[in-house]
Amino acid sequence: MTSSIAIVLALLACGFVLFVTELFSIDVTAILLLTVLLLLGYLSPSEAISGFSNPAVITIALLFILSHALEKTGLLEYLVVRINRLTSQSKSLGKTVYLLAIGFASAVVNNTAIVAIFIPVTIRMAQKFKISPSKLLIPLSYAAILGGTLTLVGTSTNLLVNSIYSNSGAVKPMG
């Protein structure tokens, strides 16, 4: 093993520890590791910033801004209140409409943001229907995950895979 490999492995281990312990925030840790690799000469400047020019990364950043705006305006909260009013008589209808709304919302807004926005509302809904919150929180997560797979912007994984696919050129069929 060369000294270069040992240094990069040590940096990788340090990065892992910093990510797990969250001594610094995740973004600060990532930029710190990127900067160290750049300063030590293991990355060229163009390699160091190449990830920031990826359309998927830019789209994900913009989705976080959109999610924050939707949360601040209270639009999603308003929709949930309307759903609760429309379905206040039937528990099963209420849950079904609620989970469908979450699924469709997560198709256009980041899954994490949808779950974070809907957790307090879900707990209130569980209290209203006198059921355990876990009976709605687990389906909330599943509905957000399923809805996120409907569109490219629904989950960051879809965006990244699409970006890799687009950059790979022609893909040969299997077989």
C-alpha atoms as a PDB file:
ATOM      1  CA  MET A   1       0.000   0.000   0.000  1.00  0.00           C
ATOM      2  CA  THR A   2       1.411   3.350  -1.015  1.00  0.00           C
ATOM      3  CA  SER A   3       1.452   6.408   1.208  1.00  0.00           C
ATOM      4  CA  SER A   4      -1.160   8.082  -1.024  1.00  0.00           C
ATOM      5  CA  ILE A   5      -3.577   5.216  -0.478  1.00  0.00           C
ATOM      6  CA  ALA A   6      -2.948   5.317   3.269  1.00  0.00           C
ATOM      7  CA  ILE A   7      -3.589   9.070   3.410  1.00  0.00           C
ATOM      8  CA  VAL A   8      -6.830   8.825   1.436  1.00  0.00           C
ATOM      9  CA  LEU A   9      -8.015   5.897   3.589  1.00  0.00           C
ATOM     10  CA  ALA A  10      -7.181   7.891   6.735  1.00  0.00           C
ATOM     11  CA  LEU A  11      -9.155  10.855   5.374  1.00  0.00           C
ATOM     12  CA  LEU A  12     -12.028   8.521   4.554  1.00  0.00           C
ATOM     13  CA  ALA A  13     -11.976   7.147   8.113  1.00  0.00           C
ATOM     14  CA  CYS A  14     -11.848  10.679   9.564  1.00  0.00           C
ATOM     15  CA  GLY A  15     -14.734  11.693   7.333  1.00  0.00           C
ATOM     16  CA  PHE A  16     -16.767   8.699   8.466  1.00  0.00           C
ATOM     17  CA  VAL A  17     -16.140   9.556  12.128  1.00  0.00           C
ATOM     18  CA  LEU A  18     -17.064  13.205  11.526  1.00  0.00           C
ATOM     19  CA  PHE A  19     -20.260  12.217   9.722  1.00  0.00           C
ATOM     20  CA  VAL A  20     -21.290   9.803  12.481  1.00  0.00           C
ATOM     21  CA  THR A  21     -20.417  12.053  15.423  1.00  0.00           C
ATOM     22  CA  GLU A  22     -21.702  15.190  13.680  1.00  0.00           C
ATOM     23  CA  LEU A  23     -18.910  17.215  15.287  1.00  0.00           C
ATOM     24  CA  PHE A  24     -19.491  19.582  12.372  1.00  0.00           C
ATOM     25  CA  SER A  25     -22.641  19.695  10.281  1.00  0.00           C
ATOM     26  CA  ILE A  26     -22.775  17.227   7.382  1.00  0.00           C
ATOM     27  CA  ASP A  27     -22.281  19.895   4.720  1.00  0.00           C
ATOM     28  CA  VAL A  28     -19.293  21.429   6.536  1.00  0.00           C
ATOM     29  CA  THR A  29     -17.699  17.986   6.902  1.00  0.00           C
ATOM     30  CA  ALA A  30     -18.174  17.228   3.192  1.00  0.00           C
ATOM     31  CA  ILE A  31     -16.688  20.570   2.100  1.00  0.00           C
ATOM     32  CA  LEU A  32     -13.820  20.135   4.588  1.00  0.00           C
ATOM     33  CA  LEU A  33     -12.921  16.710   3.167  1.00  0.00           C
ATOM     34  CA  LEU A  34     -13.200  18.022  -0.382  1.00  0.00           C
ATOM     35  CA  THR A  35     -10.902  20.943   0.479  1.00  0.00           C
ATOM     36  CA  VAL A  36      -8.294  18.702   2.136  1.00  0.00           C
ATOM     37  CA  LEU A  37      -8.251  16.364  -0.876  1.00  0.00           C
ATOM     38  CA  LEU A  38      -7.870  19.396  -3.150  1.00  0.00           C
ATOM     39  CA  LEU A  39      -5.066  20.955  -1.079  1.00  0.00           C
ATOM     40  CA  LEU A  40      -3.161  17.661  -0.892  1.00  0.00           C
ATOM     41  CA  GLY A  41      -3.329  17.363  -4.674  1.00  0.00           C
ATOM     42  CA  TYR A  42      -5.477  14.231  -4.829  1.00  0.00           C
ATOM     43  CA  LEU A  43      -8.162  16.176  -6.702  1.00  0.00           C
ATOM     44  CA  SER A  44      -7.751  18.783  -9.411  1.00  0.00           C
ATOM     45  CA  PRO A  45      -9.808  21.971  -9.057  1.00  0.00           C
ATOM     46  CA  SER A  46     -12.065  20.883 -11.925  1.00  0.00           C
ATOM     47  CA  GLU A  47     -12.652  17.490 -10.267  1.00  0.00           C
ATOM     48  CA  ALA A  48     -13.360  19.161  -6.935  1.00  0.00           C
ATOM     49  CA  ILE A  49     -16.149  21.343  -8.318  1.00  0.00           C
ATOM     50  CA  SER A  50     -17.502  18.950 -10.954  1.00  0.00           C
ATOM     51  CA  GLY A  51     -20.235  17.659  -8.643  1.00  0.00           C
ATOM     52  CA  PHE A  52     -21.623  21.155  -8.158  1.00  0.00           C
ATOM     53  CA  SER A  53     -22.224  21.526 -11.896  1.00  0.00           C
ATOM     54  CA  ASN A  54     -24.318  18.365 -12.064  1.00  0.00           C
ATOM     55  CA  PRO A  55     -27.928  19.297 -12.928  1.00  0.00           C
ATOM     56  CA  ALA A  56     -29.218  16.751 -10.401  1.00  0.00           C
ATOM     57  CA  VAL A  57     -27.356  18.437  -7.535  1.00  0.00           C
ATOM     58  CA  ILE A  58     -28.672  21.855  -8.552  1.00  0.00           C
ATOM     59  CA  THR A  59     -32.220  20.483  -8.854  1.00  0.00           C
ATOM     60  CA  ILE A  60     -32.012  18.900  -5.391  1.00  0.00           C
ATOM     61  CA  ALA A  61     -30.857  22.206  -3.916  1.00  0.00           C
ATOM     62  CA  LEU A  62     -33.759  23.999  -5.596  1.00  0.00           C
ATOM     63  CA  LEU A  63     -36.210  21.365  -4.330  1.00  0.00           C
ATOM     64  CA  PHE A  64     -35.073  22.034  -0.770  1.00  0.00           C
ATOM     65  CA  ILE A  65     -35.822  25.726  -1.341  1.00  0.00           C
ATOM     66  CA  LEU A  66     -39.264  24.861  -2.756  1.00  0.00           C
ATOM     67  CA  SER A  67     -39.986  22.525   0.160  1.00  0.00           C
ATOM     68  CA  HIS A  68     -39.016  25.211   2.651  1.00  0.00           C
ATOM     69  CA  ALA A  69     -41.246  27.731   0.876  1.00  0.00           C
ATOM     70  CA  LEU A  70     -44.214  25.338   0.953  1.00  0.00           C
ATOM     71  CA  GLU A  71     -43.629  24.729   4.641  1.00  0.00           C
ATOM     72  CA  LYS A  72     -43.379  28.459   5.448  1.00  0.00           C
ATOM     73  CA  THR A  73     -46.476  29.435   3.451  1.00  0.00           C
ATOM     74  CA  GLY A  74     -48.579  26.818   5.224  1.00  0.00           C
ATOM     75  CA  LEU A  75     -50.094  25.530   1.990  1.00  0.00           C
ATOM     76  CA  LEU A  76     -49.638  21.871   2.918  1.00  0.00           C
ATOM     77  CA  GLU A  77     -51.019  22.481   6.417  1.00  0.00           C
ATOM     78  CA  TYR A  78     -54.068  24.137   4.825  1.00  0.00           C
ATOM     79  CA  LEU A  79     -54.612  21.127   2.551  1.00  0.00           C
ATOM     80  CA  VAL A  80     -54.405  18.761   5.505  1.00  0.00           C
ATOM     81  CA  VAL A  81     -56.991  20.786   7.433  1.00  0.00           C
ATOM     82  CA  ARG A  82     -59.290  20.621   4.400  1.00  0.00           C
ATOM     83  CA  ILE A  83     -58.793  16.851   4.130  1.00  0.00           C
ATOM     84  CA  ASN A  84     -59.563  16.443   7.828  1.00  0.00           C
ATOM     85  CA  ARG A  85     -62.796  18.428   7.447  1.00  0.00           C
ATOM     86  CA  LEU A  86     -63.909  16.437   4.415  1.00  0.00           C
ATOM     87  CA  THR A  87     -63.195  13.063   6.001  1.00  0.00           C
ATOM     88  CA  SER A  88     -63.969  13.749   9.655  1.00  0.00           C
ATOM     89  CA  GLN A  89     -66.756  11.159   9.834  1.00  0.00           C
ATOM     90  CA  SER A  90     -64.901   8.090   8.548  1.00  0.00           C
ATOM     91  CA  LYS A  91     -61.567   6.862   9.889  1.00  0.00           C
ATOM     92  CA  SER A  92     -60.760   4.662   6.907  1.00  0.00           C
ATOM     93  CA  LEU A  93     -61.755   7.303   4.355  1.00  0.00           C
ATOM     94  CA  GLY A  94     -59.720   9.883   6.275  1.00  0.00           C
ATOM     95  CA  LYS A  95     -56.613   7.694   6.294  1.00  0.00           C
ATOM     96  CA  THR A  96     -56.980   6.797   2.621  1.00  0.00           C
ATOM     97  CA  VAL A  97     -57.428  10.368   1.408  1.00  0.00           C
ATOM     98  CA  TYR A  98     -54.665  11.577   3.728  1.00  0.00           C
ATOM     99  CA  LEU A  99     -52.136   8.991   2.501  1.00  0.00           C
ATOM    100  CA  LEU A 100     -53.046   9.599  -1.151  1.00  0.00           C
ATOM    101  CA  ALA A 101     -52.494  13.330  -0.637  1.00  0.00           C
ATOM    102  CA  ILE A 102     -49.093  12.627   0.931  1.00  0.00           C
ATOM    103  CA  GLY A 103     -48.172  10.349  -1.969  1.00  0.00           C
ATOM    104  CA  PHE A 104     -49.068  12.946  -4.576  1.00  0.00           C
ATOM    105  CA  ALA A 105     -47.360  15.749  -2.622  1.00  0.00           C
ATOM    106  CA  SER A 106     -44.152  13.733  -2.336  1.00  0.00           C
ATOM    107  CA  ALA A 107     -44.139  13.278  -6.106  1.00  0.00           C
ATOM    108  CA  VAL A 108     -43.319  16.970  -6.503  1.00  0.00           C
ATOM    109  CA  VAL A 109     -41.690  17.852  -3.167  1.00  0.00           C
ATOM    110  CA  ASN A 110     -38.729  16.156  -1.493  1.00  0.00           C
ATOM    111  CA  ASN A 111     -39.780  13.118   0.608  1.00  0.00           C
ATOM    112  CA  THR A 112     -37.919  14.239   3.719  1.00  0.00           C
ATOM    113  CA  ALA A 113     -39.633  17.612   3.666  1.00  0.00           C
ATOM    114  CA  ILE A 114     -43.060  16.027   3.205  1.00  0.00           C
ATOM    115  CA  VAL A 115     -42.550  13.666   6.142  1.00  0.00           C
ATOM    116  CA  ALA A 116     -41.201  16.469   8.343  1.00  0.00           C
ATOM    117  CA  ILE A 117     -44.157  18.708   7.486  1.00  0.00           C
ATOM    118  CA  PHE A 118     -46.781  16.002   7.971  1.00  0.00           C
ATOM    119  CA  ILE A 119     -45.525  14.398  11.214  1.00  0.00           C
ATOM    120  CA  PRO A 120     -47.205  16.897  13.581  1.00  0.00           C
ATOM    121  CA  VAL A 121     -50.392  16.837  11.521  1.00  0.00           C
ATOM    122  CA  THR A 122     -50.369  13.035  11.494  1.00  0.00           C
ATOM    123  CA  ILE A 123     -50.017  12.904  15.268  1.00  0.00           C
ATOM    124  CA  ARG A 124     -52.969  15.308  15.652  1.00  0.00           C
ATOM    125  CA  MET A 125     -54.996  13.177  13.247  1.00  0.00           C
ATOM    126  CA  ALA A 126     -54.198  10.040  15.276  1.00  0.00           C
ATOM    127  CA  GLN A 127     -55.314  11.792  18.462  1.00  0.00           C
ATOM    128  CA  LYS A 128     -58.529  12.905  16.759  1.00  0.00           C
ATOM    129  CA  PHE A 129     -59.321   9.348  15.652  1.00  0.00           C
ATOM    130  CA  LYS A 130     -58.131   7.951  19.031  1.00  0.00           C
ATOM    131  CA  ILE A 131     -55.577   5.574  17.516  1.00  0.00           C
ATOM    132  CA  SER A 132     -51.872   5.050  18.124  1.00  0.00           C
ATOM    133  CA  PRO A 133     -49.741   7.535  16.125  1.00  0.00           C
ATOM    134  CA  SER A 134     -47.604   4.651  14.824  1.00  0.00           C
ATOM    135  CA  LYS A 135     -50.640   3.386  12.916  1.00  0.00           C
ATOM    136  CA  LEU A 136     -50.395   6.535  10.794  1.00  0.00           C
ATOM    137  CA  LEU A 137     -46.693   7.434  10.986  1.00  0.00           C
ATOM    138  CA  ILE A 138     -45.433   4.243   9.336  1.00  0.00           C
ATOM    139  CA  PRO A 139     -47.947   4.554   6.466  1.00  0.00           C
ATOM    140  CA  LEU A 140     -46.951   8.245   6.195  1.00  0.00           C
ATOM    141  CA  SER A 141     -43.377   7.196   5.523  1.00  0.00           C
ATOM    142  CA  TYR A 142     -44.401   4.526   3.021  1.00  0.00           C
ATOM    143  CA  ALA A 143     -46.761   6.886   1.174  1.00  0.00           C
ATOM    144  CA  ALA A 144     -43.996   9.488   0.882  1.00  0.00           C
ATOM    145  CA  ILE A 145     -41.513   6.907  -0.411  1.00  0.00           C
ATOM    146  CA  LEU A 146     -44.000   5.500  -2.918  1.00  0.00           C
ATOM    147  CA  GLY A 147     -45.056   8.958  -4.079  1.00  0.00           C
ATOM    148  CA  GLY A 148     -41.432   9.983  -4.457  1.00  0.00           C
ATOM    149  CA  THR A 149     -40.889   7.244  -7.005  1.00  0.00           C
ATOM    150  CA  LEU A 150     -43.589   8.652  -9.308  1.00  0.00           C
ATOM    151  CA  THR A 151     -41.469  11.479 -10.736  1.00  0.00           C
ATOM    152  CA  LEU A 152     -37.833  12.407 -11.215  1.00  0.00           C
ATOM    153  CA  VAL A 153     -38.069  15.235  -8.687  1.00  0.00           C
ATOM    154  CA  GLY A 154     -39.871  13.151  -6.063  1.00  0.00           C
ATOM    155  CA  THR A 155     -36.666  11.760  -4.622  1.00  0.00           C
ATOM    156  CA  SER A 156     -33.045  12.735  -5.030  1.00  0.00           C
ATOM    157  CA  THR A 157     -32.074   9.186  -6.010  1.00  0.00           C
ATOM    158  CA  ASN A 158     -34.207   9.423  -9.153  1.00  0.00           C
ATOM    159  CA  LEU A 159     -32.487  12.674 -10.133  1.00  0.00           C
ATOM    160  CA  LEU A 160     -29.008  11.265  -9.629  1.00  0.00           C
ATOM    161  CA  VAL A 161     -29.722   8.054 -11.538  1.00  0.00           C
ATOM    162  CA  ASN A 162     -31.237  10.059 -14.406  1.00  0.00           C
ATOM    163  CA  SER A 163     -28.163  12.299 -14.486  1.00  0.00           C
ATOM    164  CA  ILE A 164     -25.812   9.308 -14.597  1.00  0.00           C
ATOM    165  CA  TYR A 165     -27.950   7.697 -17.311  1.00  0.00           C
ATOM    166  CA  SER A 166     -27.954  10.899 -19.391  1.00  0.00           C
ATOM    167  CA  ASN A 167     -24.181  11.279 -19.109  1.00  0.00           C
ATOM    168  CA  SER A 168     -23.456   7.646 -19.968  1.00  0.00           C
ATOM    169  CA  GLY A 169     -24.350   7.960 -23.636  1.00  0.00           C
ATOM    170  CA  ALA A 170     -26.148   5.211 -25.484  1.00  0.00           C
ATOM    171  CA  VAL A 171     -27.088   2.308 -23.261  1.00  0.00           C
ATOM    172  CA  LYS A 172     -26.938  -1.136 -24.837  1.00  0.00           C
ATOM    173  CA  PRO A 173     -29.949  -3.392 -24.306  1.00  0.00           C
ATOM    174  CA  MET A 174     -29.443  -6.494 -22.205  1.00  0.00           C
ATOM    175  CA  GLY A 175     -29.247  -9.847 -23.988  1.00  0.00           C
END
